[in-house]
Each structure stands twice: as structure tokens, then as C-alpha cells.
Amino acid sequence: MINKSTKQKVLRFTSQDVKIHQKKTKYHGFFKLDEYQVSHQRFDGSESETLSREVFERGDAVVLIPYDPVLDQVILIEQFRPGAIRAGDTPWMLEFIAGMFKEDEQPIEVAIREAKEEANLDIDKNNVVKIMKYLSSPGGMSEAMYLYLATIDSKNVGGVYGLPEEGEDILVHVFKREAAFDLLKQGKIANAATIIGLQWLELNYHSL
């Protein structure tokens, strides 16, 4: 691939251009922290020195945008997030439905399961489309995010759900698409996957 404006190659390297000299697990609880000793190909053709890098291994996740194209409404959930305490404003986040993979699950299966657990939505897999896969914070975390959209009927949606055994307390909201996007513009939505999902929806809802 060539950057036509500069005639430079773009993304010329692959995983074959990285050498893993050593990998140690430094912590393994609900999440895992691995320490890598790695070197990699440099842009000048040389090989880097051996670098010590810690990587947070939390597994991959699926994010689902539940969208009603008839009423032009989206479902957002609200729940407590301990990782947001230090940010200062509020640790309750407005988010799209999301969840981690269980063993041998496919992304669409995660989306359907989490929709039921978190919002009591019954999702037909034929109404689910893949939007993208991206890395949430590749500088220090291995997590891949699978973003999907499901077309739904938003009438009679609402309530408080979640799995008690996982300590979940999830409030379901139904917003007009424009109202949800206004919340984003006001800075009321601070979850990265939800920001990406709403921006995608704003660009593509006409085609749904």
C-alpha cells in the first residue's frame, strides 16, 4: 500500500517483523498482565533493541448498537464503572450493550446474549450486522472490540436488568437518535465504544 501524497509505503510490516524473546505473566486474577521482551523491524531497515513492555490482557469484547429504524431510536444502558471514578465527574456511564466472550462463543452470540442479560432484548441474528473490529488501547492492552448493530422494535423497552451474580445493576434508556447524539456533543457520553458507535450511526442511519 502506497501513500500517494508522499510515495511512502503504509503499514509495510506484519507480525512476522516482531520477535518475542520472552513472555512472562506478572499477574493473573480476573484480568491478566503479561510482560513481553520484544524487538521489531524499524523504518530505517534496522532492528530495534529489545524492549520490555507490559500488556494488559483482558480478553476481547462485543459492543451492540440496538437501533429502531422505524422510530429512529437507540437503546443506551446506564451502569456503574469503577474505572471511571478517578475521572471525577460521575462513574455511572451511558453505554451501548457490551460484554466479554465466553469460551467458544462467536461475536454475534455474545451480542445476542448480552442484549438479553443487560436490556431484556430478544435479538434475531438475521437483524445483526457487523460494523467493525478495532483495538481499544493497543499501546498497552490487547483487547479487540467487535462492534455490531441490531435493528429492533424499541416499543415497550425499558427497566432495570443485569446478572445479580456479576453485581450488575443496569438501567435501560430509550433515546431518539438525535437526542443520543446531543448527549455525545455535550460530553455526557465518555465511553469510547459508545462514542464510536454513535458517530458511525450518525453517518449511516439513512442506509438502515
Protein backbone atom coordinates (compact mmCIF):
# COMPACT_ATOMS: atom_id res chain seq x y z
CA MET A 1 0.00 0.00 0.00
CA ILE A 2 1.39 3.40 -1.02
CA ASN A 3 0.61 6.83 0.40
CA LYS A 4 0.17 8.65 -2.93
CA SER A 5 0.89 12.08 -1.47
CA THR A 6 4.37 11.06 -0.28
CA LYS A 7 5.03 7.81 -2.21
CA GLN A 8 5.75 6.13 1.13
CA LYS A 9 4.65 2.61 1.99
CA VAL A 10 1.89 2.42 4.60
CA LEU A 11 1.61 -0.48 7.07
CA ARG A 12 4.50 -2.28 5.43
CA PHE A 13 5.25 -4.51 8.44
CA THR A 14 3.38 -7.56 9.78
CA SER A 15 3.54 -9.75 12.87
CA GLN A 16 6.43 -11.52 11.11
CA ASP A 17 8.51 -8.39 11.73
CA VAL A 18 8.28 -8.74 15.53
CA LYS A 19 10.44 -11.06 17.64
CA ILE A 20 9.13 -12.15 21.05
CA HIS A 21 12.21 -13.06 23.06
CA GLN A 22 10.38 -13.76 26.31
CA LYS A 23 6.88 -13.52 27.77
CA LYS A 24 6.09 -13.70 31.50
CA THR A 25 2.75 -13.45 33.29
CA LYS A 26 3.22 -10.91 36.09
CA TYR A 27 -0.34 -11.06 37.44
CA HIS A 28 -3.33 -13.29 36.79
CA GLY A 29 -6.64 -12.56 38.51
CA PHE A 30 -9.90 -11.54 36.87
CA PHE A 31 -7.59 -9.88 34.33
CA LYS A 32 -4.00 -10.72 33.39
CA LEU A 33 -0.81 -8.72 32.99
CA ASP A 34 1.96 -10.10 30.75
CA GLU A 35 5.48 -8.75 30.37
CA TYR A 36 6.99 -9.03 26.90
CA GLN A 37 10.63 -8.78 25.85
CA VAL A 38 10.36 -7.87 22.16
CA SER A 39 12.27 -6.36 19.28
CA HIS A 40 10.86 -5.21 15.95
CA GLN A 41 11.77 -4.00 12.48
CA ARG A 42 12.48 -0.27 12.26
CA PHE A 43 11.59 2.06 9.38
CA ASP A 44 15.26 2.59 8.55
CA GLY A 45 15.72 -1.16 7.93
CA SER A 46 17.45 -1.97 11.21
CA GLU A 47 16.10 -3.96 14.14
CA SER A 48 15.18 -2.25 17.41
CA GLU A 49 16.81 -3.03 20.71
CA THR A 50 14.98 -5.48 22.95
CA LEU A 51 12.11 -3.63 24.61
CA SER A 52 10.37 -4.55 27.87
CA ARG A 53 6.63 -3.89 27.58
CA GLU A 54 3.73 -4.83 29.85
CA VAL A 55 0.41 -5.68 28.20
CA PHE A 56 -2.95 -5.77 29.97
CA GLU A 57 -4.75 -8.90 28.81
CA ARG A 58 -8.48 -8.62 29.47
CA GLY A 59 -9.86 -10.64 26.56
CA ASP A 60 -11.98 -9.39 23.67
CA ALA A 61 -15.43 -7.81 23.81
CA VAL A 62 -18.51 -7.22 21.68
CA VAL A 63 -20.44 -3.95 21.59
CA LEU A 64 -24.01 -3.86 20.24
CA ILE A 65 -25.89 -0.81 18.96
CA PRO A 66 -29.63 -1.54 19.31
CA TYR A 67 -31.35 0.74 16.79
CA ASP A 68 -35.00 1.12 15.84
CA PRO A 69 -35.01 2.47 12.25
CA VAL A 70 -38.79 2.97 12.28
CA LEU A 71 -38.91 5.22 15.35
CA ASP A 72 -35.30 6.41 14.88
CA GLN A 73 -34.41 5.45 18.44
CA VAL A 74 -31.40 3.86 20.13
CA ILE A 75 -31.05 1.92 23.36
CA LEU A 76 -28.39 3.01 25.83
CA ILE A 77 -27.71 1.46 29.21
CA GLU A 78 -26.51 3.17 32.36
CA GLN A 79 -24.31 1.43 34.92
CA PHE A 80 -21.56 1.99 37.50
CA ARG A 81 -17.98 1.68 36.21
CA PRO A 82 -15.15 1.67 38.80
CA GLY A 83 -12.58 2.63 36.15
CA ALA A 84 -14.36 5.99 35.80
CA ILE A 85 -14.06 7.00 39.47
CA ARG A 86 -10.75 8.86 39.01
CA ALA A 87 -12.12 10.87 36.06
CA GLY A 88 -14.02 12.98 38.56
CA ASP A 89 -17.48 13.66 37.13
CA THR A 90 -19.56 10.52 37.60
CA PRO A 91 -18.64 6.82 37.49
CA TRP A 92 -22.05 5.97 36.03
CA MET A 93 -21.66 5.61 32.29
CA LEU A 94 -24.12 5.78 29.39
CA GLU A 95 -23.10 2.96 27.07
CA PHE A 96 -24.20 0.60 24.37
CA ILE A 97 -24.71 -3.02 25.35
CA ALA A 98 -21.40 -4.85 25.64
CA GLY A 99 -19.83 -7.98 27.03
CA MET A 100 -16.85 -10.29 27.07
CA PHE A 101 -16.53 -13.57 25.22
CA LYS A 102 -17.21 -16.84 26.96
CA GLU A 103 -15.40 -19.98 25.83
CA ASP A 104 -16.03 -20.91 22.19
CA GLU A 105 -18.51 -18.06 21.63
CA GLN A 106 -18.80 -16.23 18.32
CA PRO A 107 -19.19 -12.42 18.35
CA ILE A 108 -22.82 -12.48 17.25
CA GLU A 109 -23.61 -14.96 20.04
CA VAL A 110 -22.08 -12.59 22.58
CA ALA A 111 -24.15 -9.71 21.20
CA ILE A 112 -27.40 -11.67 21.44
CA ARG A 113 -26.65 -12.99 24.95
CA GLU A 114 -25.63 -9.62 26.34
CA ALA A 115 -28.67 -7.89 24.83
CA LYS A 116 -30.91 -10.25 26.80
CA GLU A 117 -28.91 -10.03 30.03
CA GLU A 118 -28.44 -6.26 30.06
CA ALA A 119 -31.62 -4.91 28.45
CA ASN A 120 -34.06 -7.84 28.12
CA LEU A 121 -33.89 -7.53 24.33
CA ASP A 122 -34.58 -10.57 22.17
CA ILE A 123 -32.33 -10.15 19.15
CA ASP A 124 -32.77 -12.04 15.88
CA LYS A 125 -29.34 -12.86 14.48
CA ASN A 126 -30.67 -12.08 10.99
CA ASN A 127 -31.09 -8.46 12.14
CA VAL A 128 -27.49 -8.12 13.32
CA VAL A 129 -24.77 -6.59 11.12
CA LYS A 130 -21.06 -6.23 11.77
CA ILE A 131 -19.71 -2.68 11.69
CA MET A 132 -16.02 -3.01 12.53
CA LYS A 133 -13.34 -4.56 14.68
CA TYR A 134 -10.83 -2.28 16.40
CA LEU A 135 -8.24 -2.27 19.19
CA SER A 136 -9.34 -0.26 22.21
CA SER A 137 -5.90 0.80 23.51
CA PRO A 138 -3.09 -1.02 21.66
CA GLY A 139 -0.32 0.91 23.40
CA GLY A 140 -0.72 -1.30 26.45
CA MET A 141 -3.80 -3.53 26.12
CA SER A 142 -4.54 -6.44 23.80
CA GLU A 143 -8.35 -6.11 23.80
CA ALA A 144 -10.13 -6.23 20.42
CA MET A 145 -13.61 -4.73 20.20
CA TYR A 146 -16.23 -6.14 17.81
CA LEU A 147 -18.87 -3.51 17.05
CA TYR A 148 -22.28 -4.68 15.79
CA LEU A 149 -25.67 -3.12 15.14
CA ALA A 150 -29.05 -4.81 15.61
CA THR A 151 -32.28 -3.42 14.23
CA ILE A 152 -35.00 -3.71 16.88
CA ASP A 153 -38.52 -2.64 17.84
CA SER A 154 -37.96 -0.16 20.70
CA LYS A 155 -41.58 -0.02 21.86
CA ASN A 156 -42.03 -1.22 25.47
CA VAL A 157 -38.27 -1.33 26.08
CA GLY A 158 -37.03 -0.23 29.49
CA GLY A 159 -36.40 -1.37 33.04
CA VAL A 160 -33.50 -2.43 35.25
CA TYR A 161 -31.62 -5.61 34.37
CA GLY A 162 -28.25 -7.33 34.72
CA LEU A 163 -26.95 -10.50 36.34
CA PRO A 164 -27.01 -10.36 40.17
CA GLU A 165 -24.16 -12.89 40.36
CA GLU A 166 -21.99 -10.42 38.43
CA GLY A 167 -23.03 -7.44 40.56
CA GLU A 168 -24.78 -5.79 37.61
CA ASP A 169 -27.34 -3.02 38.12
CA ILE A 170 -28.25 -1.74 34.65
CA LEU A 171 -30.83 0.91 33.80
CA VAL A 172 -32.14 0.85 30.22
CA HIS A 173 -32.81 4.10 28.38
CA VAL A 174 -34.54 4.71 25.04
CA PHE A 175 -33.39 7.84 23.22
CA LYS A 176 -34.21 9.43 19.93
CA ARG A 177 -31.08 9.13 17.80
CA GLU A 178 -30.66 12.92 17.70
CA ALA A 179 -31.03 13.16 21.48
CA ALA A 180 -28.36 10.50 22.00
CA PHE A 181 -26.03 12.35 19.65
CA ASP A 182 -26.72 15.59 21.54
CA LEU A 183 -25.61 13.85 24.75
CA LEU A 184 -22.40 12.92 22.97
CA LYS A 185 -21.82 16.51 21.84
CA GLN A 186 -22.44 17.71 25.41
CA GLY A 187 -19.77 15.37 26.74
CA LYS A 188 -22.26 13.22 28.66
CA ILE A 189 -21.08 10.06 26.93
CA ALA A 190 -17.45 9.23 27.73
CA ASN A 191 -17.26 5.54 26.80
CA ALA A 192 -15.08 5.08 23.71
CA ALA A 193 -17.07 2.26 22.11
CA THR A 194 -20.30 4.22 22.51
CA ILE A 195 -18.74 7.35 21.02
CA ILE A 196 -17.52 5.37 18.01
CA GLY A 197 -20.89 3.63 17.64
CA LEU A 198 -22.92 6.85 17.79
CA GLN A 199 -20.65 8.58 15.30
CA TRP A 200 -20.98 5.62 12.94
CA LEU A 201 -24.76 5.67 13.36
CA GLU A 202 -24.92 9.40 12.65
CA LEU A 203 -23.09 8.83 9.36
CA ASN A 204 -25.01 5.71 8.30
CA TYR A 205 -28.55 5.71 9.77
CA HIS A 206 -30.08 6.73 6.42
CA SER A 207 -28.99 3.39 4.94
CA LEU A 208 -30.69 1.41 7.70
